[in-house]
């Protein structure tokens, strides 16, 4: 028995857990790194719940409507502009796991 329907194109990704560097959040003029640390899937009846890691992921980041170029794994290493202090970083993280894809939006306040 599987925890997904073949009609759905893979497992149902409920949410994504993030790990950020630095942990305190994005800072103007500095590098901000986003890494998905696990996926939340529907319960499958196992005794121990596991949060699997995505097969692949990509990031798209904007500040004040302007796209920021990302580098590193999935383009999720972002250098923030020095003038971004007090603005909002909008990030769309797209994860893929066993054929299923989900785009999850996140917002961060830049200090």
N, C-alpha and C. Protein backbone atom coordinates (compact mmCIF):
# COMPACT_ATOMS: atom_id res chain seq x y z
N UNK A 1 0.85 -1.17 0.00
CA UNK A 1 0.00 0.00 0.00
C UNK A 1 0.90 1.24 0.00
N UNK A 2 0.51 2.22 -0.80
CA UNK A 2 1.26 3.46 -0.91
C UNK A 2 0.48 4.59 -0.27
N UNK A 3 1.19 5.67 0.09
CA UNK A 3 0.53 6.80 0.74
C UNK A 3 0.14 7.88 -0.27
N UNK A 4 -0.04 7.50 -1.53
CA UNK A 4 -0.47 8.46 -2.53
C UNK A 4 -1.25 7.76 -3.63
N UNK A 5 -1.98 8.55 -4.36
CA UNK A 5 -2.75 8.04 -5.47
C UNK A 5 -1.97 8.25 -6.76
N UNK A 6 -2.01 7.29 -7.65
CA UNK A 6 -1.33 7.45 -8.93
C UNK A 6 -1.96 8.56 -9.76
N UNK A 7 -3.25 8.81 -9.54
CA UNK A 7 -3.93 9.89 -10.25
C UNK A 7 -3.38 11.25 -9.83
N UNK A 8 -2.89 11.38 -8.61
CA UNK A 8 -2.40 12.65 -8.09
C UNK A 8 -0.99 12.98 -8.59
N UNK A 9 -0.30 12.03 -9.24
CA UNK A 9 1.03 12.29 -9.76
C UNK A 9 2.11 12.21 -8.70
N UNK A 10 1.87 11.52 -7.63
CA UNK A 10 2.86 11.37 -6.56
C UNK A 10 2.24 11.70 -5.21
N UNK A 11 3.06 11.73 -4.17
CA UNK A 11 2.54 12.00 -2.83
C UNK A 11 2.05 13.44 -2.70
N UNK A 12 1.12 13.64 -1.80
CA UNK A 12 0.58 14.97 -1.52
C UNK A 12 1.53 15.68 -0.55
N UNK A 13 2.23 16.69 -1.01
CA UNK A 13 3.14 17.45 -0.16
C UNK A 13 2.31 18.50 0.57
N UNK A 14 2.24 18.38 1.89
CA UNK A 14 1.43 19.29 2.69
C UNK A 14 2.18 20.59 2.96
N UNK A 15 3.43 20.48 3.40
CA UNK A 15 4.23 21.67 3.68
C UNK A 15 5.71 21.33 3.61
N UNK A 16 6.54 22.36 3.73
CA UNK A 16 7.98 22.22 3.64
C UNK A 16 8.61 22.87 4.88
N UNK A 17 9.53 22.16 5.53
CA UNK A 17 10.29 22.72 6.64
C UNK A 17 11.55 23.36 6.09
N UNK A 18 11.90 24.55 6.61
CA UNK A 18 13.07 25.28 6.13
C UNK A 18 14.15 25.39 7.17
N UNK A 19 15.37 25.46 6.70
CA UNK A 19 16.51 25.81 7.53
C UNK A 19 17.14 27.02 6.84
N UNK A 20 17.37 28.10 7.61
CA UNK A 20 17.95 29.31 7.03
C UNK A 20 19.29 29.62 7.67
N UNK A 21 20.15 30.26 6.89
CA UNK A 21 21.44 30.71 7.40
C UNK A 21 21.59 32.16 6.99
N UNK A 22 21.69 33.09 7.89
CA UNK A 22 21.72 32.94 9.34
C UNK A 22 20.33 32.62 9.89
N UNK A 23 20.31 32.02 11.06
CA UNK A 23 19.05 31.62 11.69
C UNK A 23 18.17 32.81 12.05
N UNK A 24 18.78 33.97 12.27
CA UNK A 24 18.03 35.15 12.68
C UNK A 24 17.26 35.79 11.53
N UNK A 25 17.49 35.34 10.30
CA UNK A 25 16.77 35.87 9.15
C UNK A 25 17.67 36.68 8.25
N UNK A 26 17.10 37.19 7.16
CA UNK A 26 17.90 37.92 6.18
C UNK A 26 18.35 39.29 6.69
N UNK A 27 19.58 39.67 6.30
CA UNK A 27 20.14 40.97 6.67
C UNK A 27 20.58 41.67 5.39
N UNK A 28 20.31 42.95 5.31
CA UNK A 28 20.66 43.74 4.13
C UNK A 28 22.17 43.69 3.89
N UNK A 29 22.56 43.50 2.63
CA UNK A 29 23.97 43.46 2.26
C UNK A 29 24.67 42.15 2.56
N UNK A 30 23.96 41.17 3.04
CA UNK A 30 24.54 39.87 3.40
C UNK A 30 23.96 38.75 2.55
N UNK A 31 24.56 37.58 2.69
CA UNK A 31 24.08 36.38 1.99
C UNK A 31 23.05 35.68 2.88
N UNK A 32 21.96 35.22 2.26
CA UNK A 32 20.91 34.49 2.95
C UNK A 32 20.73 33.16 2.23
N UNK A 33 20.79 32.05 2.97
CA UNK A 33 20.70 30.71 2.38
C UNK A 33 19.45 30.01 2.91
N UNK A 34 18.67 29.46 1.99
CA UNK A 34 17.47 28.72 2.34
C UNK A 34 17.67 27.27 1.90
N UNK A 35 17.42 26.33 2.83
CA UNK A 35 17.55 24.91 2.52
C UNK A 35 16.32 24.18 3.05
N UNK A 36 15.61 23.44 2.21
CA UNK A 36 14.49 22.64 2.73
C UNK A 36 15.03 21.47 3.55
N UNK A 37 14.60 21.38 4.80
CA UNK A 37 15.11 20.32 5.68
C UNK A 37 14.21 19.10 5.73
N UNK A 38 12.98 19.23 5.24
CA UNK A 38 12.07 18.09 5.23
C UNK A 38 10.72 18.45 4.64
N UNK A 39 9.97 17.42 4.28
CA UNK A 39 8.63 17.59 3.72
C UNK A 39 7.61 16.97 4.65
N UNK A 40 6.46 17.61 4.78
CA UNK A 40 5.35 17.03 5.54
C UNK A 40 4.41 16.36 4.55
N UNK A 41 4.21 15.06 4.75
CA UNK A 41 3.34 14.25 3.90
C UNK A 41 2.19 13.72 4.74
N UNK A 42 1.10 13.26 4.12
CA UNK A 42 0.02 12.66 4.89
C UNK A 42 0.53 11.44 5.65
N UNK A 43 -0.10 11.12 6.79
CA UNK A 43 0.34 9.95 7.56
C UNK A 43 0.21 8.67 6.73
N UNK A 44 1.19 7.77 6.92
CA UNK A 44 1.17 6.52 6.13
C UNK A 44 1.02 5.29 7.01
N UNK A 45 0.78 5.45 8.30
CA UNK A 45 0.58 4.32 9.18
C UNK A 45 1.85 3.79 9.81
N UNK A 46 2.98 4.40 9.54
CA UNK A 46 4.24 3.95 10.14
C UNK A 46 4.29 4.34 11.62
N UNK A 47 5.03 3.57 12.40
CA UNK A 47 5.14 3.87 13.83
C UNK A 47 5.93 5.15 14.08
N UNK A 48 6.97 5.37 13.31
CA UNK A 48 7.77 6.58 13.45
C UNK A 48 7.55 7.47 12.23
N UNK A 49 7.16 8.70 12.49
CA UNK A 49 6.94 9.63 11.39
C UNK A 49 8.29 10.09 10.84
N UNK A 50 8.40 10.13 9.53
CA UNK A 50 9.61 10.60 8.89
C UNK A 50 9.29 11.78 8.00
N UNK A 51 10.18 12.76 7.99
CA UNK A 51 10.04 13.90 7.11
C UNK A 51 11.10 13.76 6.03
N UNK A 52 10.71 13.22 4.86
CA UNK A 52 11.70 12.99 3.80
C UNK A 52 12.22 14.31 3.23
N UNK A 53 13.40 14.26 2.66
CA UNK A 53 13.97 15.42 1.99
C UNK A 53 13.52 15.42 0.54
N UNK A 54 13.37 16.61 -0.06
CA UNK A 54 12.94 16.65 -1.46
C UNK A 54 14.02 16.10 -2.40
N UNK A 55 13.58 15.59 -3.54
CA UNK A 55 14.50 15.10 -4.56
C UNK A 55 15.26 16.27 -5.19
N UNK A 56 14.56 17.39 -5.40
CA UNK A 56 15.19 18.60 -5.93
C UNK A 56 14.39 19.82 -5.47
N UNK A 57 15.01 21.00 -5.56
CA UNK A 57 14.32 22.23 -5.18
C UNK A 57 14.95 23.42 -5.89
N UNK A 58 14.13 24.47 -6.07
CA UNK A 58 14.59 25.72 -6.67
C UNK A 58 13.96 26.89 -5.92
N UNK A 59 14.62 28.05 -5.99
CA UNK A 59 14.12 29.25 -5.33
C UNK A 59 13.98 30.38 -6.33
N UNK A 60 12.97 31.20 -6.12
CA UNK A 60 12.80 32.46 -6.84
C UNK A 60 12.56 33.52 -5.79
N UNK A 61 13.42 34.54 -5.75
CA UNK A 61 13.34 35.56 -4.72
C UNK A 61 13.15 36.94 -5.33
N UNK A 62 12.34 37.78 -4.66
CA UNK A 62 12.16 39.15 -5.08
C UNK A 62 12.18 40.06 -3.86
N UNK A 63 12.68 41.28 -4.06
CA UNK A 63 12.60 42.34 -3.07
C UNK A 63 12.02 43.55 -3.79
N UNK A 64 10.90 44.03 -3.28
CA UNK A 64 10.22 45.20 -3.86
C UNK A 64 9.93 44.98 -5.35
N UNK A 65 9.55 43.75 -5.72
CA UNK A 65 9.18 43.42 -7.08
C UNK A 65 10.34 43.14 -8.02
N UNK A 66 11.57 43.29 -7.55
CA UNK A 66 12.73 43.04 -8.40
C UNK A 66 13.30 41.66 -8.09
N UNK A 67 13.52 40.88 -9.13
CA UNK A 67 14.04 39.52 -8.97
C UNK A 67 15.50 39.56 -8.54
N UNK A 68 15.85 38.66 -7.62
CA UNK A 68 17.23 38.51 -7.17
C UNK A 68 17.77 37.20 -7.72
N UNK A 69 18.98 37.26 -8.27
CA UNK A 69 19.60 36.06 -8.81
C UNK A 69 20.15 35.22 -7.66
N UNK A 70 19.80 33.96 -7.65
CA UNK A 70 20.30 33.05 -6.63
C UNK A 70 21.41 32.18 -7.18
N UNK A 71 22.27 31.72 -6.30
CA UNK A 71 23.35 30.83 -6.68
C UNK A 71 23.28 29.59 -5.79
N UNK A 72 24.24 28.71 -5.93
CA UNK A 72 24.30 27.53 -5.08
C UNK A 72 23.23 26.52 -5.42
N UNK A 73 23.00 25.59 -4.50
CA UNK A 73 22.04 24.51 -4.69
C UNK A 73 20.64 25.07 -4.92
N UNK A 74 20.06 24.82 -6.07
CA UNK A 74 18.71 25.26 -6.38
C UNK A 74 18.55 26.76 -6.51
N UNK A 75 19.64 27.50 -6.54
CA UNK A 75 19.55 28.95 -6.61
C UNK A 75 19.05 29.56 -5.31
N UNK A 76 19.28 28.88 -4.20
CA UNK A 76 18.74 29.32 -2.91
C UNK A 76 19.76 30.03 -2.02
N UNK A 77 20.88 30.45 -2.59
CA UNK A 77 21.83 31.31 -1.88
C UNK A 77 21.69 32.70 -2.49
N UNK A 78 21.18 33.64 -1.71
CA UNK A 78 20.79 34.93 -2.23
C UNK A 78 21.58 36.04 -1.53
N UNK A 79 22.22 36.90 -2.31
CA UNK A 79 22.90 38.08 -1.77
C UNK A 79 21.89 39.22 -1.81
N UNK A 80 21.58 39.75 -0.63
CA UNK A 80 20.59 40.82 -0.53
C UNK A 80 21.25 42.18 -0.75
N UNK A 81 20.55 43.10 -1.41
CA UNK A 81 21.09 44.44 -1.62
C UNK A 81 21.27 45.18 -0.31
N UNK A 82 22.26 46.07 -0.25
CA UNK A 82 22.51 46.86 0.96
C UNK A 82 21.34 47.78 1.28
N UNK A 83 20.62 48.23 0.27
CA UNK A 83 19.51 49.15 0.47
C UNK A 83 18.19 48.44 0.77
N UNK A 84 18.23 47.14 1.02
CA UNK A 84 17.00 46.36 1.25
C UNK A 84 16.55 46.39 2.71
N UNK A 85 17.26 47.09 3.58
CA UNK A 85 16.90 47.15 5.01
C UNK A 85 15.46 47.64 5.18
N UNK A 86 14.67 46.90 5.95
CA UNK A 86 13.29 47.27 6.22
C UNK A 86 12.31 46.80 5.16
N UNK A 87 12.78 46.20 4.11
CA UNK A 87 11.90 45.72 3.05
C UNK A 87 11.55 44.25 3.28
N UNK A 88 10.74 43.70 2.40
CA UNK A 88 10.29 42.32 2.52
C UNK A 88 10.90 41.47 1.41
N UNK A 89 11.45 40.34 1.80
CA UNK A 89 11.96 39.35 0.86
C UNK A 89 10.84 38.35 0.61
N UNK A 90 10.43 38.23 -0.65
CA UNK A 90 9.41 37.25 -1.02
C UNK A 90 10.12 36.12 -1.75
N UNK A 91 9.86 34.92 -1.30
CA UNK A 91 10.55 33.75 -1.82
C UNK A 91 9.53 32.67 -2.19
N UNK A 92 9.71 32.07 -3.35
CA UNK A 92 8.89 30.92 -3.74
C UNK A 92 9.84 29.73 -3.87
N UNK A 93 9.64 28.76 -3.00
CA UNK A 93 10.45 27.54 -2.99
C UNK A 93 9.63 26.45 -3.68
N UNK A 94 10.18 25.89 -4.76
CA UNK A 94 9.51 24.82 -5.49
C UNK A 94 10.26 23.52 -5.22
N UNK A 95 9.56 22.55 -4.63
CA UNK A 95 10.18 21.26 -4.29
C UNK A 95 9.56 20.16 -5.14
N UNK A 96 10.37 19.13 -5.41
CA UNK A 96 9.92 17.95 -6.15
C UNK A 96 10.27 16.72 -5.32
N UNK A 97 9.28 15.81 -5.18
CA UNK A 97 9.49 14.58 -4.42
C UNK A 97 8.68 13.47 -5.07
N UNK A 98 9.33 12.43 -5.54
CA UNK A 98 8.71 11.26 -6.15
C UNK A 98 7.65 11.63 -7.19
N UNK A 99 7.97 12.59 -8.04
CA UNK A 99 7.07 12.98 -9.12
C UNK A 99 6.10 14.10 -8.79
N UNK A 100 5.93 14.42 -7.53
CA UNK A 100 5.03 15.51 -7.14
C UNK A 100 5.83 16.80 -6.99
N UNK A 101 5.22 17.90 -7.40
CA UNK A 101 5.86 19.21 -7.30
C UNK A 101 4.94 20.15 -6.55
N UNK A 102 5.53 20.97 -5.69
CA UNK A 102 4.74 21.96 -4.94
C UNK A 102 5.55 23.24 -4.81
N UNK A 103 4.91 24.37 -5.10
CA UNK A 103 5.53 25.68 -4.91
C UNK A 103 4.96 26.28 -3.62
N UNK A 104 5.86 26.68 -2.71
CA UNK A 104 5.45 27.20 -1.42
C UNK A 104 6.01 28.62 -1.25
N UNK A 105 5.15 29.62 -1.01
CA UNK A 105 5.64 30.98 -0.83
C UNK A 105 6.04 31.23 0.63
N UNK A 106 7.10 32.03 0.81
CA UNK A 106 7.56 32.45 2.13
C UNK A 106 7.85 33.94 2.07
N UNK A 107 7.69 34.64 3.19
CA UNK A 107 8.08 36.05 3.27
C UNK A 107 8.96 36.24 4.50
N UNK A 108 9.96 37.10 4.34
CA UNK A 108 10.88 37.41 5.42
C UNK A 108 11.05 38.93 5.49
N UNK A 109 11.17 39.48 6.69
CA UNK A 109 11.50 40.88 6.86
C UNK A 109 13.01 41.02 6.91
N UNK A 110 13.55 41.94 6.12
CA UNK A 110 14.99 42.14 6.04
C UNK A 110 15.40 43.16 7.09
N UNK A 111 16.38 42.78 7.92
CA UNK A 111 16.87 43.69 8.95
C UNK A 111 18.17 44.32 8.53
